[in-house]
């Protein structure tokens, strides 16, 4: 029998969830064919990619306009004011550097994972 175990997104990557690996080991020792997928890792890999970050960049003017308009109707709380300030200060050069840094980090991580004895 084949079993697919999925770990859902929205988990902190710094706090690994160990139930699935343990369940996978138990099922495999009982003779089951188990595939384990961490959707959380796949989600971060997708979100921290150049295409997705460029997609986010295209949305910045809309978000900026929304919060600027909202601030004319009511005062923004500290969190939203800080967000508006970041949106107003975001420029192409910063975004390009961010994407370059993220892609570099992804390459390093993937090279470490691919050379790991556990992979």
PDB file of N, CA and C in Angstrom:
ATOM      1  N   UNK A   1       0.846  -1.176   0.000  1.00  0.00           N
ATOM      2  CA  UNK A   1       0.000   0.000   0.000  1.00  0.00           C
ATOM      3  C   UNK A   1       0.892   1.240   0.000  1.00  0.00           C
ATOM      4  N   UNK A   2       0.468   2.248  -0.775  1.00  0.00           N
ATOM      5  CA  UNK A   2       1.199   3.503  -0.833  1.00  0.00           C
ATOM      6  C   UNK A   2       0.510   4.534   0.062  1.00  0.00           C
ATOM      7  N   UNK A   3       1.329   5.328   0.737  1.00  0.00           N
ATOM      8  CA  UNK A   3       0.817   6.368   1.622  1.00  0.00           C
ATOM      9  C   UNK A   3       1.527   7.679   1.285  1.00  0.00           C
ATOM     10  N   UNK A   4       0.757   8.758   1.171  1.00  0.00           N
ATOM     11  CA  UNK A   4       1.318  10.091   0.960  1.00  0.00           C
ATOM     12  C   UNK A   4       1.025  10.924   2.206  1.00  0.00           C
ATOM     13  N   UNK A   5       2.081  11.396   2.847  1.00  0.00           N
ATOM     14  CA  UNK A   5       1.939  12.254   4.019  1.00  0.00           C
ATOM     15  C   UNK A   5       2.354  13.666   3.631  1.00  0.00           C
ATOM     16  N   UNK A   6       1.463  14.626   3.869  1.00  0.00           N
ATOM     17  CA  UNK A   6       1.731  16.020   3.528  1.00  0.00           C
ATOM     18  C   UNK A   6       1.785  16.866   4.790  1.00  0.00           C
ATOM     19  N   UNK A   7       2.806  17.683   4.861  1.00  0.00           N
ATOM     20  CA  UNK A   7       2.902  18.652   5.947  1.00  0.00           C
ATOM     21  C   UNK A   7       2.445  19.990   5.388  1.00  0.00           C
ATOM     22  N   UNK A   8       1.387  20.573   5.946  1.00  0.00           N
ATOM     23  CA  UNK A   8       0.810  21.795   5.364  1.00  0.00           C
ATOM     24  C   UNK A   8       1.684  23.027   5.584  1.00  0.00           C
ATOM     25  N   UNK A   9       1.438  24.072   4.774  1.00  0.00           N
ATOM     26  CA  UNK A   9       2.198  25.320   4.930  1.00  0.00           C
ATOM     27  C   UNK A   9       1.827  26.065   6.201  1.00  0.00           C
ATOM     28  N   UNK A  10       2.530  27.167   6.392  1.00  0.00           N
ATOM     29  CA  UNK A  10       2.302  28.068   7.526  1.00  0.00           C
ATOM     30  C   UNK A  10       2.980  27.602   8.802  1.00  0.00           C
ATOM     31  N   UNK A  11       4.025  26.842   8.687  1.00  0.00           N
ATOM     32  CA  UNK A  11       4.785  26.407   9.851  1.00  0.00           C
ATOM     33  C   UNK A  11       6.104  27.163   9.847  1.00  0.00           C
ATOM     34  N   UNK A  12       6.613  27.491  11.005  1.00  0.00           N
ATOM     35  CA  UNK A  12       7.895  28.197  11.080  1.00  0.00           C
ATOM     36  C   UNK A  12       9.027  27.254  10.697  1.00  0.00           C
ATOM     37  N   UNK A  13       9.830  27.629   9.712  1.00  0.00           N
ATOM     38  CA  UNK A  13      10.906  26.731   9.285  1.00  0.00           C
ATOM     39  C   UNK A  13      11.974  26.524  10.348  1.00  0.00           C
ATOM     40  N   UNK A  14      12.007  27.384  11.339  1.00  0.00           N
ATOM     41  CA  UNK A  14      13.003  27.236  12.410  1.00  0.00           C
ATOM     42  C   UNK A  14      12.531  26.273  13.494  1.00  0.00           C
ATOM     43  N   UNK A  15      11.293  25.803  13.373  1.00  0.00           N
ATOM     44  CA  UNK A  15      10.732  24.868  14.355  1.00  0.00           C
ATOM     45  C   UNK A  15      10.214  23.637  13.616  1.00  0.00           C
ATOM     46  N   UNK A  16      11.083  22.709  13.277  1.00  0.00           N
ATOM     47  CA  UNK A  16      10.640  21.562  12.478  1.00  0.00           C
ATOM     48  C   UNK A  16       9.604  20.715  13.208  1.00  0.00           C
ATOM     49  N   UNK A  17       8.677  20.239  12.435  1.00  0.00           N
ATOM     50  CA  UNK A  17       7.600  19.399  12.948  1.00  0.00           C
ATOM     51  C   UNK A  17       8.019  17.952  12.726  1.00  0.00           C
ATOM     52  N   UNK A  18       8.189  17.206  13.783  1.00  0.00           N
ATOM     53  CA  UNK A  18       8.801  15.884  13.673  1.00  0.00           C
ATOM     54  C   UNK A  18       7.811  14.724  13.623  1.00  0.00           C
ATOM     55  N   UNK A  19       6.523  15.003  13.736  1.00  0.00           N
ATOM     56  CA  UNK A  19       5.551  13.913  13.718  1.00  0.00           C
ATOM     57  C   UNK A  19       5.548  13.159  12.397  1.00  0.00           C
ATOM     58  N   UNK A  20       5.628  13.878  11.274  1.00  0.00           N
ATOM     59  CA  UNK A  20       5.599  13.190   9.979  1.00  0.00           C
ATOM     60  C   UNK A  20       6.810  12.293   9.764  1.00  0.00           C
ATOM     61  N   UNK A  21       8.025  12.748  10.071  1.00  0.00           N
ATOM     62  CA  UNK A  21       9.154  11.817   9.905  1.00  0.00           C
ATOM     63  C   UNK A  21       9.029  10.577  10.792  1.00  0.00           C
ATOM     64  N   UNK A  22       8.522  10.762  11.986  1.00  0.00           N
ATOM     65  CA  UNK A  22       8.345   9.609  12.883  1.00  0.00           C
ATOM     66  C   UNK A  22       7.284   8.670  12.332  1.00  0.00           C
ATOM     67  N   UNK A  23       6.153   9.237  11.884  1.00  0.00           N
ATOM     68  CA  UNK A  23       5.084   8.427  11.297  1.00  0.00           C
ATOM     69  C   UNK A  23       5.575   7.723  10.031  1.00  0.00           C
ATOM     70  N   UNK A  24       6.354   8.430   9.220  1.00  0.00           N
ATOM     71  CA  UNK A  24       6.924   7.821   8.019  1.00  0.00           C
ATOM     72  C   UNK A  24       7.782   6.612   8.382  1.00  0.00           C
ATOM     73  N   UNK A  25       8.638   6.759   9.378  1.00  0.00           N
ATOM     74  CA  UNK A  25       9.514   5.653   9.794  1.00  0.00           C
ATOM     75  C   UNK A  25       8.701   4.456  10.284  1.00  0.00           C
ATOM     76  N   UNK A  26       7.677   4.715  11.074  1.00  0.00           N
ATOM     77  CA  UNK A  26       6.838   3.630  11.603  1.00  0.00           C
ATOM     78  C   UNK A  26       6.119   2.909  10.468  1.00  0.00           C
ATOM     79  N   UNK A  27       5.551   3.691   9.542  1.00  0.00           N
ATOM     80  CA  UNK A  27       4.835   3.071   8.420  1.00  0.00           C
ATOM     81  C   UNK A  27       5.774   2.274   7.517  1.00  0.00           C
ATOM     82  N   UNK A  28       6.955   2.817   7.254  1.00  0.00           N
ATOM     83  CA  UNK A  28       7.913   2.094   6.412  1.00  0.00           C
ATOM     84  C   UNK A  28       8.360   0.794   7.075  1.00  0.00           C
ATOM     85  N   UNK A  29       8.580   0.845   8.392  1.00  0.00           N
ATOM     86  CA  UNK A  29       8.996  -0.378   9.096  1.00  0.00           C
ATOM     87  C   UNK A  29       7.890  -1.427   9.092  1.00  0.00           C
ATOM     88  N   UNK A  30       6.640  -0.978   8.903  1.00  0.00           N
ATOM     89  CA  UNK A  30       5.508  -1.907   8.821  1.00  0.00           C
ATOM     90  C   UNK A  30       5.269  -2.359   7.374  1.00  0.00           C
ATOM     91  N   UNK A  31       6.133  -1.921   6.444  1.00  0.00           N
ATOM     92  CA  UNK A  31       6.036  -2.402   5.083  1.00  0.00           C
ATOM     93  C   UNK A  31       5.304  -1.494   4.103  1.00  0.00           C
ATOM     94  N   UNK A  32       4.879  -0.337   4.537  1.00  0.00           N
ATOM     95  CA  UNK A  32       4.179   0.584   3.640  1.00  0.00           C
ATOM     96  C   UNK A  32       5.185   1.381   2.806  1.00  0.00           C
ATOM     97  N   UNK A  33       4.780   1.709   1.583  1.00  0.00           N
ATOM     98  CA  UNK A  33       5.563   2.616   0.754  1.00  0.00           C
ATOM     99  C   UNK A  33       5.074   4.028   1.072  1.00  0.00           C
ATOM    100  N   UNK A  34       5.976   4.855   1.598  1.00  0.00           N
ATOM    101  CA  UNK A  34       5.569   6.178   2.083  1.00  0.00           C
ATOM    102  C   UNK A  34       6.305   7.274   1.319  1.00  0.00           C
ATOM    103  N   UNK A  35       5.525   8.245   0.887  1.00  0.00           N
ATOM    104  CA  UNK A  35       6.083   9.464   0.311  1.00  0.00           C
ATOM    105  C   UNK A  35       5.732  10.591   1.267  1.00  0.00           C
ATOM    106  N   UNK A  36       6.732  11.324   1.675  1.00  0.00           N
ATOM    107  CA  UNK A  36       6.521  12.423   2.610  1.00  0.00           C
ATOM    108  C   UNK A  36       6.881  13.729   1.918  1.00  0.00           C
ATOM    109  N   UNK A  37       5.969  14.678   1.914  1.00  0.00           N
ATOM    110  CA  UNK A  37       6.201  15.982   1.286  1.00  0.00           C
ATOM    111  C   UNK A  37       5.951  17.080   2.309  1.00  0.00           C
ATOM    112  N   UNK A  38       6.886  17.998   2.384  1.00  0.00           N
ATOM    113  CA  UNK A  38       6.723  19.160   3.251  1.00  0.00           C
ATOM    114  C   UNK A  38       6.282  20.333   2.380  1.00  0.00           C
ATOM    115  N   UNK A  39       4.996  20.582   2.322  1.00  0.00           N
ATOM    116  CA  UNK A  39       4.451  21.659   1.500  1.00  0.00           C
ATOM    117  C   UNK A  39       4.956  23.005   2.015  1.00  0.00           C
ATOM    118  N   UNK A  40       5.235  23.081   3.296  1.00  0.00           N
ATOM    119  CA  UNK A  40       5.772  24.294   3.893  1.00  0.00           C
ATOM    120  C   UNK A  40       7.088  24.692   3.220  1.00  0.00           C
ATOM    121  N   UNK A  41       8.000  23.729   3.044  1.00  0.00           N
ATOM    122  CA  UNK A  41       9.283  24.001   2.392  1.00  0.00           C
ATOM    123  C   UNK A  41       9.058  24.398   0.938  1.00  0.00           C
ATOM    124  N   UNK A  42       8.148  23.689   0.262  1.00  0.00           N
ATOM    125  CA  UNK A  42       7.853  24.021  -1.135  1.00  0.00           C
ATOM    126  C   UNK A  42       7.265  25.423  -1.258  1.00  0.00           C
ATOM    127  N   UNK A  43       6.426  25.813  -0.286  1.00  0.00           N
ATOM    128  CA  UNK A  43       5.826  27.147  -0.303  1.00  0.00           C
ATOM    129  C   UNK A  43       6.905  28.228  -0.150  1.00  0.00           C
ATOM    130  N   UNK A  44       7.815  28.042   0.810  1.00  0.00           N
ATOM    131  CA  UNK A  44       8.888  29.022   0.999  1.00  0.00           C
ATOM    132  C   UNK A  44       9.780  29.085  -0.237  1.00  0.00           C
ATOM    133  N   UNK A  45      10.040  27.934  -0.842  1.00  0.00           N
ATOM    134  CA  UNK A  45      10.867  27.919  -2.042  1.00  0.00           C
ATOM    135  C   UNK A  45      10.194  28.713  -3.164  1.00  0.00           C
ATOM    136  N   UNK A  46       8.882  28.594  -3.282  1.00  0.00           N
ATOM    137  CA  UNK A  46       8.155  29.344  -4.307  1.00  0.00           C
ATOM    138  C   UNK A  46       8.110  30.837  -3.964  1.00  0.00           C
ATOM    139  N   UNK A  47       7.818  31.151  -2.708  1.00  0.00           N
ATOM    140  CA  UNK A  47       7.680  32.552  -2.307  1.00  0.00           C
ATOM    141  C   UNK A  47       9.018  33.298  -2.343  1.00  0.00           C
ATOM    142  N   UNK A  48      10.088  32.590  -2.108  1.00  0.00           N
ATOM    143  CA  UNK A  48      11.410  33.214  -2.131  1.00  0.00           C
ATOM    144  C   UNK A  48      12.093  32.904  -3.456  1.00  0.00           C
ATOM    145  N   UNK A  49      11.424  33.265  -4.535  1.00  0.00           N
ATOM    146  CA  UNK A  49      11.969  33.074  -5.876  1.00  0.00           C
ATOM    147  C   UNK A  49      11.840  34.386  -6.640  1.00  0.00           C
ATOM    148  N   UNK A  50      12.694  34.576  -7.612  1.00  0.00           N
ATOM    149  CA  UNK A  50      12.675  35.816  -8.402  1.00  0.00           C
ATOM    150  C   UNK A  50      11.318  36.071  -9.056  1.00  0.00           C
ATOM    151  N   UNK A  51      10.681  35.082  -9.697  1.00  0.00           N
ATOM    152  CA  UNK A  51       9.383  35.366 -10.324  1.00  0.00           C
ATOM    153  C   UNK A  51       8.324  35.823  -9.325  1.00  0.00           C
ATOM    154  N   UNK A  52       8.279  35.175  -8.157  1.00  0.00           N
ATOM    155  CA  UNK A  52       7.269  35.560  -7.173  1.00  0.00           C
ATOM    156  C   UNK A  52       7.571  36.948  -6.606  1.00  0.00           C
ATOM    157  N   UNK A  53       8.842  37.235  -6.322  1.00  0.00           N
ATOM    158  CA  UNK A  53       9.206  38.553  -5.796  1.00  0.00           C
ATOM    159  C   UNK A  53       8.918  39.654  -6.819  1.00  0.00           C
ATOM    160  N   UNK A  54       9.113  39.377  -8.104  1.00  0.00           N
ATOM    161  CA  UNK A  54       8.752  40.358  -9.143  1.00  0.00           C
ATOM    162  C   UNK A  54       7.240  40.564  -9.174  1.00  0.00           C
ATOM    163  N   UNK A  55       6.485  39.505  -8.957  1.00  0.00           N
ATOM    164  CA  UNK A  55       5.032  39.614  -8.871  1.00  0.00           C
ATOM    165  C   UNK A  55       4.638  40.531  -7.704  1.00  0.00           C
ATOM    166  N   UNK A  56       5.270  40.345  -6.571  1.00  0.00           N
ATOM    167  CA  UNK A  56       5.014  41.193  -5.396  1.00  0.00           C
ATOM    168  C   UNK A  56       5.392  42.633  -5.704  1.00  0.00           C
ATOM    169  N   UNK A  57       6.509  42.825  -6.381  1.00  0.00           N
ATOM    170  CA  UNK A  57       6.956  44.179  -6.716  1.00  0.00           C
ATOM    171  C   UNK A  57       5.901  44.916  -7.545  1.00  0.00           C
ATOM    172  N   UNK A  58       5.258  44.213  -8.455  1.00  0.00           N
ATOM    173  CA  UNK A  58       4.219  44.831  -9.291  1.00  0.00           C
ATOM    174  C   UNK A  58       3.012  45.277  -8.468  1.00  0.00           C
ATOM    175  N   UNK A  59       2.809  44.674  -7.324  1.00  0.00           N
ATOM    176  CA  UNK A  59       1.662  45.008  -6.477  1.00  0.00           C
ATOM    177  C   UNK A  59       1.929  46.181  -5.528  1.00  0.00           C
ATOM    178  N   UNK A  60       3.192  46.563  -5.391  1.00  0.00           N
ATOM    179  CA  UNK A  60       3.561  47.625  -4.458  1.00  0.00           C
ATOM    180  C   UNK A  60       2.852  48.941  -4.758  1.00  0.00           C
ATOM    181  N   UNK A  61       2.797  49.420  -6.001  1.00  0.00           N
ATOM    182  CA  UNK A  61       2.098  50.689  -6.243  1.00  0.00           C
ATOM    183  C   UNK A  61       0.628  50.658  -5.826  1.00  0.00           C
ATOM    184  N   UNK A  62      -0.031  49.518  -6.012  1.00  0.00           N
ATOM    185  CA  UNK A  62      -1.433  49.396  -5.615  1.00  0.00           C
ATOM    186  C   UNK A  62      -1.584  49.441  -4.093  1.00  0.00           C
ATOM    187  N   UNK A  63      -0.691  48.735  -3.404  1.00  0.00           N
ATOM    188  CA  UNK A  63      -0.736  48.735  -1.938  1.00  0.00           C
ATOM    189  C   UNK A  63      -0.412  50.122  -1.398  1.00  0.00           C
ATOM    190  N   UNK A  64       0.577  50.776  -1.985  1.00  0.00           N
ATOM    191  CA  UNK A  64       0.954  52.127  -1.566  1.00  0.00           C
ATOM    192  C   UNK A  64      -0.237  53.076  -1.728  1.00  0.00           C
ATOM    193  N   UNK A  65      -0.887  53.025  -2.886  1.00  0.00           N
ATOM    194  CA  UNK A  65      -2.039  53.903  -3.142  1.00  0.00           C
ATOM    195  C   UNK A  65      -3.170  53.614  -2.158  1.00  0.00           C
ATOM    196  N   UNK A  66      -3.383  52.343  -1.865  1.00  0.00           N
ATOM    197  CA  UNK A  66      -4.444  51.971  -0.919  1.00  0.00           C
ATOM    198  C   UNK A  66      -4.189  52.578   0.458  1.00  0.00           C
ATOM    199  N   UNK A  67      -2.987  52.416   0.976  1.00  0.00           N
ATOM    200  CA  UNK A  67      -2.689  52.930   2.316  1.00  0.00           C
ATOM    201  C   UNK A  67      -2.597  54.457   2.340  1.00  0.00           C
ATOM    202  N   UNK A  68      -2.148  55.047   1.249  1.00  0.00           N
ATOM    203  CA  UNK A  68      -2.140  56.513   1.193  1.00  0.00           C
ATOM    204  C   UNK A  68      -3.575  57.045   1.208  1.00  0.00           C
ATOM    205  N   UNK A  69      -4.462  56.426   0.447  1.00  0.00           N
ATOM    206  CA  UNK A  69      -5.868  56.841   0.431  1.00  0.00           C
ATOM    207  C   UNK A  69      -6.507  56.603   1.791  1.00  0.00           C
ATOM    208  N   UNK A  70      -6.196  55.460   2.377  1.00  0.00           N
ATOM    209  CA  UNK A  70      -6.758  55.129   3.697  1.00  0.00           C
ATOM    210  C   UNK A  70      -6.299  56.131   4.750  1.00  0.00           C
ATOM    211  N   UNK A  71      -5.062  56.605   4.628  1.00  0.00           N
ATOM    212  CA  UNK A  71      -4.537  57.547   5.620  1.00  0.00           C
ATOM    213  C   UNK A  71      -5.219  58.914   5.526  1.00  0.00           C
ATOM    214  N   UNK A  72      -5.830  59.224   4.377  1.00  0.00           N
ATOM    215  CA  UNK A  72      -6.549  60.502   4.261  1.00  0.00           C
ATOM    216  C   UNK A  72      -7.911  60.429   4.933  1.00  0.00           C
ATOM    217  N   UNK A  73      -8.447  59.222   5.063  1.00  0.00           N
ATOM    218  CA  UNK A  73      -9.762  59.031   5.686  1.00  0.00           C
ATOM    219  C   UNK A  73      -9.637  58.878   7.198  1.00  0.00           C
ATOM    220  N   UNK A  74      -8.642  58.150   7.632  1.00  0.00           N
ATOM    221  CA  UNK A  74      -8.408  57.924   9.064  1.00  0.00           C
ATOM    222  C   UNK A  74      -6.915  57.795   9.300  1.00  0.00           C
ATOM    223  N   UNK A  75      -6.501  58.072  10.501  1.00  0.00           N
ATOM    224  CA  UNK A  75      -5.074  57.946  10.783  1.00  0.00           C
ATOM    225  C   UNK A  75      -4.710  56.465  10.869  1.00  0.00           C
ATOM    226  N   UNK A  76      -3.554  56.157  10.337  1.00  0.00           N
ATOM    227  CA  UNK A  76      -3.079  54.780  10.357  1.00  0.00           C
ATOM    228  C   UNK A  76      -2.432  54.469  11.695  1.00  0.00           C
ATOM    229  N   UNK A  77      -2.636  53.242  12.168  1.00  0.00           N
ATOM    230  CA  UNK A  77      -1.932  52.866  13.397  1.00  0.00           C
ATOM    231  C   UNK A  77      -0.450  52.712  13.078  1.00  0.00           C
ATOM    232  N   UNK A  78       0.342  52.521  14.089  1.00  0.00           N
ATOM    233  CA  UNK A  78       1.798  52.495  13.935  1.00  0.00           C
ATOM    234  C   UNK A  78       2.260  51.434  12.945  1.00  0.00           C
ATOM    235  N   UNK A  79       1.661  50.251  12.991  1.00  0.00           N
ATOM    236  CA  UNK A  79       2.057  49.159  12.103  1.00  0.00           C
ATOM    237  C   UNK A  79       1.776  49.509  10.635  1.00  0.00           C
ATOM    238  N   UNK A  80       0.592  50.053  10.365  1.00  0.00           N
ATOM    239  CA  UNK A  80       0.250  50.394   8.986  1.00  0.00           C
ATOM    240  C   UNK A  80       1.036  51.606   8.491  1.00  0.00           C
ATOM    241  N   UNK A  81       1.345  52.521   9.376  1.00  0.00           N
ATOM    242  CA  UNK A  81       2.162  53.661   8.985  1.00  0.00           C
ATOM    243  C   UNK A  81       3.574  53.208   8.616  1.00  0.00           C
ATOM    244  N   UNK A  82       4.110  52.265   9.377  1.00  0.00           N
ATOM    245  CA  UNK A  82       5.436  51.712   9.086  1.00  0.00           C
ATOM    246  C   UNK A  82       5.404  50.979   7.735  1.00  0.00           C
ATOM    247  N   UNK A  83       4.319  50.244   7.483  1.00  0.00           N
ATOM    248  CA  UNK A  83       4.164  49.558   6.208  1.00  0.00           C
ATOM    249  C   UNK A  83       4.103  50.558   5.057  1.00  0.00           C
ATOM    250  N   UNK A  84       3.328  51.619   5.220  1.00  0.00           N
ATOM    251  CA  UNK A  84       3.234  52.647   4.182  1.00  0.00           C
ATOM    252  C   UNK A  84       4.606  53.278   3.923  1.00  0.00           C
ATOM    253  N   UNK A  85       5.349  53.553   4.971  1.00  0.00           N
ATOM    254  CA  UNK A  85       6.688  54.128   4.804  1.00  0.00           C
ATOM    255  C   UNK A  85       7.602  53.187   4.009  1.00  0.00           C
ATOM    256  N   UNK A  86       7.548  51.895   4.317  1.00  0.00           N
ATOM    257  CA  UNK A  86       8.372  50.935   3.574  1.00  0.00           C
ATOM    258  C   UNK A  86       7.933  50.870   2.115  1.00  0.00           C
ATOM    259  N   UNK A  87       6.634  50.902   1.864  1.00  0.00           N
ATOM    260  CA  UNK A  87       6.135  50.867   0.488  1.00  0.00           C
ATOM    261  C   UNK A  87       6.562  52.112  -0.289  1.00  0.00           C
ATOM    262  N   UNK A  88       6.574  53.255   0.385  1.00  0.00           N
ATOM    263  CA  UNK A  88       6.969  54.502  -0.273  1.00  0.00           C
ATOM    264  C   UNK A  88       8.468  54.547  -0.553  1.00  0.00           C
ATOM    265  N   UNK A  89       9.254  53.875   0.266  1.00  0.00           N
ATOM    266  CA  UNK A  89      10.714  53.915   0.117  1.00  0.00           C
ATOM    267  C   UNK A  89      11.266  52.779  -0.742  1.00  0.00           C
ATOM    268  N   UNK A  90      10.426  51.872  -1.144  1.00  0.00           N
ATOM    269  CA  UNK A  90      10.878  50.724  -1.939  1.00  0.00           C
ATOM    270  C   UNK A  90      11.145  51.171  -3.375  1.00  0.00           C
ATOM    271  N   UNK A  91      12.323  50.810  -3.898  1.00  0.00           N
ATOM    272  CA  UNK A  91      12.646  51.190  -5.272  1.00  0.00           C
ATOM    273  C   UNK A  91      13.225  49.997  -6.025  1.00  0.00           C
ATOM    274  N   UNK A  92      13.413  50.170  -7.315  1.00  0.00           N
ATOM    275  CA  UNK A  92      13.887  49.086  -8.196  1.00  0.00           C
ATOM    276  C   UNK A  92      15.256  48.561  -7.765  1.00  0.00           C
ATOM    277  N   UNK A  93      16.160  49.456  -7.398  1.00  0.00           N
ATOM    278  CA  UNK A  93      17.497  49.030  -6.999  1.00  0.00           C
ATOM    279  C   UNK A  93      17.449  48.136  -5.759  1.00  0.00           C
ATOM    280  N   UNK A  94      16.666  48.535  -4.752  1.00  0.00           N
ATOM    281  CA  UNK A  94      16.531  47.723  -3.544  1.00  0.00           C
ATOM    282  C   UNK A  94      15.950  46.350  -3.882  1.00  0.00           C
ATOM    283  N   UNK A  95      14.929  46.344  -4.723  1.00  0.00           N
ATOM    284  CA  UNK A  95      14.287  45.084  -5.075  1.00  0.00           C
ATOM    285  C   UNK A  95      15.235  44.176  -5.843  1.00  0.00           C
ATOM    286  N   UNK A  96      16.003  44.749  -6.742  1.00  0.00           N
ATOM    287  CA  UNK A  96      16.966  43.952  -7.503  1.00  0.00           C
ATOM    288  C   UNK A  96      17.999  43.327  -6.574  1.00  0.00           C
ATOM    289  N   UNK A  97      18.505  44.100  -5.613  1.00  0.00           N
ATOM    290  CA  UNK A  97      19.461  43.553  -4.641  1.00  0.00           C
ATOM    291  C   UNK A  97      18.810  42.473  -3.784  1.00  0.00           C
ATOM    292  N   UNK A  98      17.579  42.699  -3.374  1.00  0.00           N
ATOM    293  CA  UNK A  98      16.857  41.705  -2.577  1.00  0.00           C
ATOM    294  C   UNK A  98      16.736  40.395  -3.354  1.00  0.00           C
ATOM    295  N   UNK A  99      16.332  40.479  -4.598  1.00  0.00           N
ATOM    296  CA  UNK A  99      16.164  39.276  -5.414  1.00  0.00           C
ATOM    297  C   UNK A  99      17.505  38.575  -5.617  1.00  0.00           C
ATOM    298  N   UNK A 100      18.557  39.323  -5.875  1.00  0.00           N
ATOM    299  CA  UNK A 100      19.882  38.715  -6.033  1.00  0.00           C
ATOM    300  C   UNK A 100      20.306  37.991  -4.755  1.00  0.00           C
ATOM    301  N   UNK A 101      20.075  38.618  -3.603  1.00  0.00           N
ATOM    302  CA  UNK A 101      20.435  37.994  -2.325  1.00  0.00           C
ATOM    303  C   UNK A 101      19.615  36.728  -2.070  1.00  0.00           C
ATOM    304  N   UNK A 102      18.329  36.797  -2.364  1.00  0.00           N
ATOM    305  CA  UNK A 102      17.459  35.638  -2.150  1.00  0.00           C
ATOM    306  C   UNK A 102      17.865  34.493  -3.063  1.00  0.00           C
ATOM    307  N   UNK A 103      18.128  34.790  -4.328  1.00  0.00           N
ATOM    308  CA  UNK A 103      18.538  33.736  -5.260  1.00  0.00           C
ATOM    309  C   UNK A 103      19.878  33.121  -4.842  1.00  0.00           C
ATOM    310  N   UNK A 104      20.799  33.932  -4.371  1.00  0.00           N
ATOM    311  CA  UNK A 104      22.086  33.422  -3.892  1.00  0.00           C
ATOM    312  C   UNK A 104      21.870  32.485  -2.702  1.00  0.00           C
ATOM    313  N   UNK A 105      21.026  32.888  -1.765  1.00  0.00           N
ATOM    314  CA  UNK A 105      20.738  32.061  -0.594  1.00  0.00           C
ATOM    315  C   UNK A 105      20.074  30.748  -1.006  1.00  0.00           C
ATOM    316  N   UNK A 106      19.164  30.805  -1.968  1.00  0.00           N
ATOM    317  CA  UNK A 106      18.499  29.580  -2.443  1.00  0.00           C
ATOM    318  C   UNK A 106      19.514  28.626  -3.070  1.00  0.00           C
ATOM    319  N   UNK A 107      20.430  29.164  -3.877  1.00  0.00           N
ATOM    320  CA  UNK A 107      21.450  28.313  -4.504  1.00  0.00           C
ATOM    321  C   UNK A 107      22.318  27.638  -3.440  1.00  0.00           C
ATOM    322  N   UNK A 108      22.718  28.400  -2.430  1.00  0.00           N
ATOM    323  CA  UNK A 108      23.548  27.843  -1.353  1.00  0.00           C
ATOM    324  C   UNK A 108      22.785  26.752  -0.616  1.00  0.00           C
ATOM    325  N   UNK A 109      21.558  27.035  -0.246  1.00  0.00           N
ATOM    326  CA  UNK A 109      20.757  26.059   0.488  1.00  0.00           C
ATOM    327  C   UNK A 109      20.561  24.786  -0.327  1.00  0.00           C
ATOM    328  N   UNK A 110      20.242  24.943  -1.593  1.00  0.00           N
ATOM    329  CA  UNK A 110      20.016  23.762  -2.427  1.00  0.00           C
ATOM    330  C   UNK A 110      21.300  22.968  -2.631  1.00  0.00           C
ATOM    331  N   UNK A 111      22.445  23.638  -2.690  1.00  0.00           N
ATOM    332  CA  UNK A 111      23.702  22.905  -2.849  1.00  0.00           C
ATOM    333  C   UNK A 111      24.036  22.144  -1.566  1.00  0.00           C
ATOM    334  N   UNK A 112      23.715  22.721  -0.423  1.00  0.00           N
ATOM    335  CA  UNK A 112      23.949  22.039   0.853  1.00  0.00           C
ATOM    336  C   UNK A 112      23.021  20.845   0.984  1.00  0.00           C
ATOM    337  N   UNK A 113      21.756  21.026   0.621  1.00  0.00           N
ATOM    338  CA  UNK A 113      20.788  19.934   0.731  1.00  0.00           C
ATOM    339  C   UNK A 113      21.136  18.811  -0.235  1.00  0.00           C
ATOM    340  N   UNK A 114      21.534  19.136  -1.453  1.00  0.00           N
ATOM    341  CA  UNK A 114      21.832  18.100  -2.439  1.00  0.00           C
ATOM    342  C   UNK A 114      23.095  17.305  -2.101  1.00  0.00           C
ATOM    343  N   UNK A 115      23.990  17.877  -1.310  1.00  0.00           N
ATOM    344  CA  UNK A 115      25.218  17.161  -0.936  1.00  0.00           C
ATOM    345  C   UNK A 115      25.123  16.526   0.442  1.00  0.00           C
ATOM    346  N   UNK A 116      23.972  16.694   1.093  1.00  0.00           N
ATOM    347  CA  UNK A 116      23.771  16.129   2.424  1.00  0.00           C
ATOM    348  C   UNK A 116      23.690  14.607   2.346  1.00  0.00           C
ATOM    349  N   UNK A 117      24.273  13.904   3.306  1.00  0.00           N
ATOM    350  CA  UNK A 117      24.173  12.436   3.306  1.00  0.00           C
ATOM    351  C   UNK A 117      22.736  11.963   3.541  1.00  0.00           C
ATOM    352  N   UNK A 118      21.864  12.873   4.015  1.00  0.00           N
ATOM    353  CA  UNK A 118      20.475  12.489   4.272  1.00  0.00           C
ATOM    354  C   UNK A 118      19.589  12.652   3.044  1.00  0.00           C
ATOM    355  N   UNK A 119      20.099  13.307   1.989  1.00  0.00           N
ATOM    356  CA  UNK A 119      19.247  13.537   0.827  1.00  0.00           C
ATOM    357  C   UNK A 119      19.212  12.335  -0.095  1.00  0.00           C
TER     358      UNK A 119
END
